[in-house]
Amino acid sequence: MRRICELKKLTGGRYLVVLEGNFSFPLYGKELDEFEIYEDGVLRDKAATEILQELLPKRARLCAMHFLQSCDRTEYQLRKKLESLFYPEEIVDEAVAYVKKYHYIDDVRYAVNYMEYRRDSKSMRQMEQELYQKGISKEVFAEAVQQIDTPDEIEQIRQWLVKKHYSGSSADRKETERIYRFLLRKGYHTSEIRRALQVSDLYE
């Protein structure tokens, strides 16, 4: 048995049950009565087993599958979602392992689809940075790159120059530096930018 230190009210009629040792898990209000949980009480072993090995794992799996219904997500995004709902780490791990087993999440697939959809408008470096923010590792990114046709970044730069009405023949140094910095922020390599700027008159 473990002492119940605190009950913190959450949204949606849920409470965070905080045990000694700072271990916590979420339950609905009616479940507090069902398992006889109250502040300064004790969590009985039988109740702990039912909650942590049956009730919450099943609930976390269902939550994970519901979260993945609308669109594909990365493992990182799924973990963050479950953590935001206050599921314990072990239960998060179990739910993630469950959906991975059935390929409901697949980071390589996610990265491939992400790049295929954006390859005509974004540089590889920019897509890598965006995917990194979504939890895609360099190793997963490299594996995904092998499965796509990489974008023609010189053509992308050309399109940006046309869109920005850049003219190499009439642009002054300040304007050239401005467009150069803009393209760097878009993730293009310096060699590609210089090459495109050198022949920019051909785009007019």
C-alpha atoms as a PDB file:
ATOM      1  CA  MET A   1       0.000   0.000   0.000  1.00  0.00           C
ATOM      2  CA  ARG A   2       1.121   3.566  -0.704  1.00  0.00           C
ATOM      3  CA  ARG A   3      -0.053   6.768   0.916  1.00  0.00           C
ATOM      4  CA  ILE A   4      -2.101   9.174  -1.182  1.00  0.00           C
ATOM      5  CA  CYS A   5      -0.568  12.610  -0.715  1.00  0.00           C
ATOM      6  CA  GLU A   6      -2.776  14.808  -2.876  1.00  0.00           C
ATOM      7  CA  LEU A   7      -5.645  14.912  -5.364  1.00  0.00           C
ATOM      8  CA  LYS A   8      -5.232  17.625  -7.998  1.00  0.00           C
ATOM      9  CA  LYS A   9      -8.243  18.580 -10.079  1.00  0.00           C
ATOM     10  CA  LEU A  10      -7.644  18.417 -13.838  1.00  0.00           C
ATOM     11  CA  THR A  11      -9.901  19.229 -16.775  1.00  0.00           C
ATOM     12  CA  GLY A  12     -12.685  16.985 -18.047  1.00  0.00           C
ATOM     13  CA  GLY A  13     -13.713  15.684 -14.650  1.00  0.00           C
ATOM     14  CA  ARG A  14     -10.332  14.081 -14.007  1.00  0.00           C
ATOM     15  CA  TYR A  15      -8.045  14.179 -10.991  1.00  0.00           C
ATOM     16  CA  LEU A  16      -4.326  13.600 -10.655  1.00  0.00           C
ATOM     17  CA  VAL A  17      -3.668  11.117  -7.878  1.00  0.00           C
ATOM     18  CA  VAL A  18      -0.291  11.905  -6.289  1.00  0.00           C
ATOM     19  CA  LEU A  19       1.260   9.149  -4.200  1.00  0.00           C
ATOM     20  CA  GLU A  20       4.239   9.262  -1.882  1.00  0.00           C
ATOM     21  CA  GLY A  21       7.468   9.273  -3.860  1.00  0.00           C
ATOM     22  CA  ASN A  22       5.873  11.761  -6.284  1.00  0.00           C
ATOM     23  CA  PHE A  23       4.336   9.025  -8.448  1.00  0.00           C
ATOM     24  CA  SER A  24       1.064  10.109 -10.032  1.00  0.00           C
ATOM     25  CA  PHE A  25      -1.657   9.026 -12.447  1.00  0.00           C
ATOM     26  CA  PRO A  26      -5.014  10.406 -13.671  1.00  0.00           C
ATOM     27  CA  LEU A  27      -8.482   9.111 -12.783  1.00  0.00           C
ATOM     28  CA  TYR A  28     -12.017  10.335 -13.260  1.00  0.00           C
ATOM     29  CA  GLY A  29     -13.892  11.600 -10.218  1.00  0.00           C
ATOM     30  CA  LYS A  30     -16.251   8.624 -10.072  1.00  0.00           C
ATOM     31  CA  GLU A  31     -13.248   6.288 -10.080  1.00  0.00           C
ATOM     32  CA  LEU A  32     -11.902   7.909  -6.929  1.00  0.00           C
ATOM     33  CA  ASP A  33     -14.983   6.663  -5.119  1.00  0.00           C
ATOM     34  CA  GLU A  34     -14.826   3.290  -6.837  1.00  0.00           C
ATOM     35  CA  PHE A  35     -11.251   2.672  -5.677  1.00  0.00           C
ATOM     36  CA  GLU A  36     -11.713   4.436  -2.309  1.00  0.00           C
ATOM     37  CA  ILE A  37      -9.097   7.062  -3.092  1.00  0.00           C
ATOM     38  CA  TYR A  38      -8.913  10.177  -0.917  1.00  0.00           C
ATOM     39  CA  GLU A  39      -6.200  12.483   0.394  1.00  0.00           C
ATOM     40  CA  ASP A  40      -4.123  11.072   3.259  1.00  0.00           C
ATOM     41  CA  GLY A  41      -5.620   7.663   2.550  1.00  0.00           C
ATOM     42  CA  VAL A  42      -3.807   4.663   1.107  1.00  0.00           C
ATOM     43  CA  LEU A  43      -3.892   3.027  -2.303  1.00  0.00           C
ATOM     44  CA  ARG A  44      -4.460  -0.658  -1.738  1.00  0.00           C
ATOM     45  CA  ASP A  45      -2.377  -3.142  -3.695  1.00  0.00           C
ATOM     46  CA  LYS A  46      -5.402  -4.682  -5.418  1.00  0.00           C
ATOM     47  CA  ALA A  47      -6.623  -1.265  -6.573  1.00  0.00           C
ATOM     48  CA  ALA A  48      -3.135  -0.273  -7.730  1.00  0.00           C
ATOM     49  CA  THR A  49      -2.864  -3.431  -9.818  1.00  0.00           C
ATOM     50  CA  GLU A  50      -6.235  -2.885 -11.459  1.00  0.00           C
ATOM     51  CA  ILE A  51      -5.553   0.808 -12.164  1.00  0.00           C
ATOM     52  CA  LEU A  52      -1.946   0.579 -13.362  1.00  0.00           C
ATOM     53  CA  GLN A  53      -2.003  -2.755 -15.154  1.00  0.00           C
ATOM     54  CA  GLU A  54      -5.509  -2.820 -16.624  1.00  0.00           C
ATOM     55  CA  LEU A  55      -7.503   0.427 -16.548  1.00  0.00           C
ATOM     56  CA  LEU A  56      -4.898   3.042 -17.501  1.00  0.00           C
ATOM     57  CA  PRO A  57      -2.956   0.971 -20.094  1.00  0.00           C
ATOM     58  CA  LYS A  58      -6.207   0.244 -21.946  1.00  0.00           C
ATOM     59  CA  ARG A  59      -7.266   3.888 -21.723  1.00  0.00           C
ATOM     60  CA  ALA A  60      -3.886   5.140 -22.949  1.00  0.00           C
ATOM     61  CA  ARG A  61      -3.953   2.766 -25.936  1.00  0.00           C
ATOM     62  CA  LEU A  62      -7.424   3.989 -26.908  1.00  0.00           C
ATOM     63  CA  CYS A  63      -6.321   7.586 -26.480  1.00  0.00           C
ATOM     64  CA  ALA A  64      -3.279   6.982 -28.678  1.00  0.00           C
ATOM     65  CA  MET A  65      -5.363   5.409 -31.424  1.00  0.00           C
ATOM     66  CA  HIS A  66      -7.897   8.233 -31.277  1.00  0.00           C
ATOM     67  CA  PHE A  67      -5.093  10.808 -31.521  1.00  0.00           C
ATOM     68  CA  LEU A  68      -3.770   9.064 -34.637  1.00  0.00           C
ATOM     69  CA  GLN A  69      -7.153   8.820 -36.367  1.00  0.00           C
ATOM     70  CA  SER A  70      -7.238  12.287 -37.921  1.00  0.00           C
ATOM     71  CA  CYS A  71      -3.691  12.324 -39.322  1.00  0.00           C
ATOM     72  CA  ASP A  72      -0.302  10.672 -39.113  1.00  0.00           C
ATOM     73  CA  ARG A  73       1.919  11.640 -36.160  1.00  0.00           C
ATOM     74  CA  THR A  74       5.469  11.028 -35.050  1.00  0.00           C
ATOM     75  CA  GLU A  75       6.344   8.977 -31.996  1.00  0.00           C
ATOM     76  CA  TYR A  76       7.529  12.174 -30.303  1.00  0.00           C
ATOM     77  CA  GLN A  77       4.186  13.898 -30.905  1.00  0.00           C
ATOM     78  CA  LEU A  78       2.275  10.917 -29.568  1.00  0.00           C
ATOM     79  CA  ARG A  79       4.426  10.737 -26.450  1.00  0.00           C
ATOM     80  CA  LYS A  80       3.931  14.448 -25.789  1.00  0.00           C
ATOM     81  CA  LYS A  81       0.169  14.039 -26.142  1.00  0.00           C
ATOM     82  CA  LEU A  82       0.009  11.175 -23.659  1.00  0.00           C
ATOM     83  CA  GLU A  83       2.336  12.965 -21.251  1.00  0.00           C
ATOM     84  CA  SER A  84       0.093  16.035 -21.409  1.00  0.00           C
ATOM     85  CA  LEU A  85      -2.726  13.800 -20.143  1.00  0.00           C
ATOM     86  CA  PHE A  86      -0.548  12.842 -17.137  1.00  0.00           C
ATOM     87  CA  TYR A  87      -0.136   9.151 -17.919  1.00  0.00           C
ATOM     88  CA  PRO A  88       2.876   7.635 -16.107  1.00  0.00           C
ATOM     89  CA  GLU A  89       6.004   6.998 -18.179  1.00  0.00           C
ATOM     90  CA  GLU A  90       5.623   3.218 -18.149  1.00  0.00           C
ATOM     91  CA  ILE A  91       2.064   3.445 -19.449  1.00  0.00           C
ATOM     92  CA  VAL A  92       3.118   5.908 -22.163  1.00  0.00           C
ATOM     93  CA  ASP A  93       5.850   3.471 -23.226  1.00  0.00           C
ATOM     94  CA  GLU A  94       3.363   0.604 -23.365  1.00  0.00           C
ATOM     95  CA  ALA A  95       0.837   2.585 -25.429  1.00  0.00           C
ATOM     96  CA  VAL A  96       3.520   3.708 -27.883  1.00  0.00           C
ATOM     97  CA  ALA A  97       4.826   0.154 -28.236  1.00  0.00           C
ATOM     98  CA  TYR A  98       1.276  -1.057 -28.912  1.00  0.00           C
ATOM     99  CA  VAL A  99       0.579   1.357 -31.787  1.00  0.00           C
ATOM    100  CA  LYS A 100       4.063   0.802 -33.230  1.00  0.00           C
ATOM    101  CA  LYS A 101       3.423  -2.940 -33.256  1.00  0.00           C
ATOM    102  CA  TYR A 102       0.477  -2.396 -35.598  1.00  0.00           C
ATOM    103  CA  HIS A 103       2.268   0.339 -37.596  1.00  0.00           C
ATOM    104  CA  TYR A 104      -0.151   3.047 -36.529  1.00  0.00           C
ATOM    105  CA  ILE A 105       2.963   5.176 -36.137  1.00  0.00           C
ATOM    106  CA  ASP A 106       6.055   4.908 -38.298  1.00  0.00           C
ATOM    107  CA  ASP A 107       8.525   7.794 -38.215  1.00  0.00           C
ATOM    108  CA  VAL A 108      10.159   6.849 -41.520  1.00  0.00           C
ATOM    109  CA  ARG A 109       6.769   6.759 -43.231  1.00  0.00           C
ATOM    110  CA  TYR A 110       5.859  10.083 -41.641  1.00  0.00           C
ATOM    111  CA  ALA A 111       9.094  11.723 -42.857  1.00  0.00           C
ATOM    112  CA  VAL A 112       8.700  10.333 -46.389  1.00  0.00           C
ATOM    113  CA  ASN A 113       5.120  11.613 -46.664  1.00  0.00           C
ATOM    114  CA  TYR A 114       6.080  14.974 -45.180  1.00  0.00           C
ATOM    115  CA  MET A 115       8.893  15.506 -47.685  1.00  0.00           C
ATOM    116  CA  GLU A 116       6.943  14.203 -50.675  1.00  0.00           C
ATOM    117  CA  TYR A 117       4.212  16.747 -50.011  1.00  0.00           C
ATOM    118  CA  ARG A 118       6.656  19.660 -49.598  1.00  0.00           C
ATOM    119  CA  ARG A 119       9.564  18.750 -51.856  1.00  0.00           C
ATOM    120  CA  ASP A 120       8.611  21.246 -54.561  1.00  0.00           C
ATOM    121  CA  SER A 121       8.556  24.238 -52.251  1.00  0.00           C
ATOM    122  CA  LYS A 122      11.077  23.613 -49.468  1.00  0.00           C
ATOM    123  CA  SER A 123      14.774  22.885 -49.257  1.00  0.00           C
ATOM    124  CA  MET A 124      16.061  19.634 -47.802  1.00  0.00           C
ATOM    125  CA  ARG A 125      17.681  21.492 -44.931  1.00  0.00           C
ATOM    126  CA  GLN A 126      14.459  23.298 -44.072  1.00  0.00           C
ATOM    127  CA  MET A 127      12.472  20.073 -44.129  1.00  0.00           C
ATOM    128  CA  GLU A 128      15.083  18.366 -41.965  1.00  0.00           C
ATOM    129  CA  GLN A 129      14.835  21.166 -39.399  1.00  0.00           C
ATOM    130  CA  GLU A 130      11.042  21.033 -39.387  1.00  0.00           C
ATOM    131  CA  LEU A 131      11.038  17.253 -38.999  1.00  0.00           C
ATOM    132  CA  TYR A 132      13.601  17.486 -36.198  1.00  0.00           C
ATOM    133  CA  GLN A 133      11.168  19.727 -34.315  1.00  0.00           C
ATOM    134  CA  LYS A 134       8.581  16.973 -34.706  1.00  0.00           C
ATOM    135  CA  GLY A 135      10.953  14.448 -33.158  1.00  0.00           C
ATOM    136  CA  ILE A 136      12.455  12.912 -36.301  1.00  0.00           C
ATOM    137  CA  SER A 137      16.080  11.919 -35.700  1.00  0.00           C
ATOM    138  CA  LYS A 138      18.912  12.414 -38.199  1.00  0.00           C
ATOM    139  CA  GLU A 139      19.059   8.652 -38.709  1.00  0.00           C
ATOM    140  CA  VAL A 140      15.340   8.406 -39.526  1.00  0.00           C
ATOM    141  CA  PHE A 141      15.600  11.443 -41.795  1.00  0.00           C
ATOM    142  CA  ALA A 142      18.519   9.888 -43.686  1.00  0.00           C
ATOM    143  CA  GLU A 143      16.567   6.652 -44.151  1.00  0.00           C
ATOM    144  CA  ALA A 144      13.541   8.554 -45.437  1.00  0.00           C
ATOM    145  CA  VAL A 145      15.646  10.581 -47.891  1.00  0.00           C
ATOM    146  CA  GLN A 146      16.629   7.319 -49.591  1.00  0.00           C
ATOM    147  CA  GLN A 147      12.961   6.767 -50.447  1.00  0.00           C
ATOM    148  CA  ILE A 148      12.201  10.079 -52.172  1.00  0.00           C
ATOM    149  CA  ASP A 149      13.320  12.035 -55.198  1.00  0.00           C
ATOM    150  CA  THR A 150      15.236  14.936 -53.725  1.00  0.00           C
ATOM    151  CA  PRO A 151      14.049  18.399 -54.774  1.00  0.00           C
ATOM    152  CA  ASP A 152      15.723  20.537 -57.428  1.00  0.00           C
ATOM    153  CA  GLU A 153      16.853  23.299 -55.111  1.00  0.00           C
ATOM    154  CA  ILE A 154      18.318  25.453 -57.897  1.00  0.00           C
ATOM    155  CA  GLU A 155      14.866  25.501 -59.505  1.00  0.00           C
ATOM    156  CA  GLN A 156      13.307  26.363 -56.150  1.00  0.00           C
ATOM    157  CA  ILE A 157      15.715  29.284 -55.745  1.00  0.00           C
ATOM    158  CA  ARG A 158      14.891  30.416 -59.267  1.00  0.00           C
ATOM    159  CA  GLN A 159      11.219  30.472 -58.380  1.00  0.00           C
ATOM    160  CA  TRP A 160      11.925  32.526 -55.264  1.00  0.00           C
ATOM    161  CA  LEU A 161      13.942  35.044 -57.284  1.00  0.00           C
ATOM    162  CA  VAL A 162      11.091  35.418 -59.749  1.00  0.00           C
ATOM    163  CA  LYS A 163       8.561  35.734 -56.926  1.00  0.00           C
ATOM    164  CA  LYS A 164      10.680  38.378 -55.204  1.00  0.00           C
ATOM    165  CA  HIS A 165      11.171  40.234 -58.522  1.00  0.00           C
ATOM    166  CA  TYR A 166      14.925  40.018 -58.154  1.00  0.00           C
ATOM    167  CA  SER A 167      16.939  41.212 -61.162  1.00  0.00           C
ATOM    168  CA  GLY A 168      20.636  40.498 -61.140  1.00  0.00           C
ATOM    169  CA  SER A 169      21.306  43.178 -63.728  1.00  0.00           C
ATOM    170  CA  SER A 170      19.650  45.984 -61.764  1.00  0.00           C
ATOM    171  CA  ALA A 171      19.910  44.907 -58.114  1.00  0.00           C
ATOM    172  CA  ASP A 172      22.315  46.852 -55.928  1.00  0.00           C
ATOM    173  CA  ARG A 173      24.524  45.286 -53.283  1.00  0.00           C
ATOM    174  CA  LYS A 174      21.993  45.869 -50.476  1.00  0.00           C
ATOM    175  CA  GLU A 175      19.196  44.136 -52.381  1.00  0.00           C
ATOM    176  CA  THR A 176      21.470  41.222 -53.316  1.00  0.00           C
ATOM    177  CA  GLU A 177      22.531  40.770 -49.683  1.00  0.00           C
ATOM    178  CA  ARG A 178      18.892  40.861 -48.578  1.00  0.00           C
ATOM    179  CA  ILE A 179      17.792  38.151 -50.999  1.00  0.00           C
ATOM    180  CA  TYR A 180      20.910  36.143 -50.119  1.00  0.00           C
ATOM    181  CA  ARG A 181      20.014  36.174 -46.396  1.00  0.00           C
ATOM    182  CA  PHE A 182      16.406  35.313 -47.214  1.00  0.00           C
ATOM    183  CA  LEU A 183      17.473  32.225 -49.165  1.00  0.00           C
ATOM    184  CA  LEU A 184      19.857  31.186 -46.393  1.00  0.00           C
ATOM    185  CA  ARG A 185      16.953  31.260 -43.936  1.00  0.00           C
ATOM    186  CA  LYS A 186      15.060  28.999 -46.312  1.00  0.00           C
ATOM    187  CA  GLY A 187      17.803  26.419 -45.863  1.00  0.00           C
ATOM    188  CA  TYR A 188      19.586  26.639 -49.202  1.00  0.00           C
ATOM    189  CA  HIS A 189      23.341  26.114 -49.373  1.00  0.00           C
ATOM    190  CA  THR A 190      25.584  29.078 -50.076  1.00  0.00           C
ATOM    191  CA  SER A 191      27.020  27.458 -53.212  1.00  0.00           C
ATOM    192  CA  GLU A 192      23.539  26.970 -54.685  1.00  0.00           C
ATOM    193  CA  ILE A 193      22.509  30.529 -53.849  1.00  0.00           C
ATOM    194  CA  ARG A 194      25.624  32.012 -55.446  1.00  0.00           C
ATOM    195  CA  ARG A 195      25.163  29.840 -58.514  1.00  0.00           C
ATOM    196  CA  ALA A 196      21.529  30.922 -58.897  1.00  0.00           C
ATOM    197  CA  LEU A 197      22.316  34.597 -58.365  1.00  0.00           C
ATOM    198  CA  GLN A 198      25.062  34.482 -60.968  1.00  0.00           C
ATOM    199  CA  VAL A 199      22.605  33.412 -63.657  1.00  0.00           C
ATOM    200  CA  SER A 200      19.601  35.328 -62.330  1.00  0.00           C
ATOM    201  CA  ASP A 201      19.435  37.503 -65.441  1.00  0.00           C
ATOM    202  CA  LEU A 202      18.299  34.424 -67.364  1.00  0.00           C
ATOM    203  CA  TYR A 203      15.134  34.245 -65.210  1.00  0.00           C
ATOM    204  CA  GLU A 204      13.822  37.644 -66.250  1.00  0.00           C
END
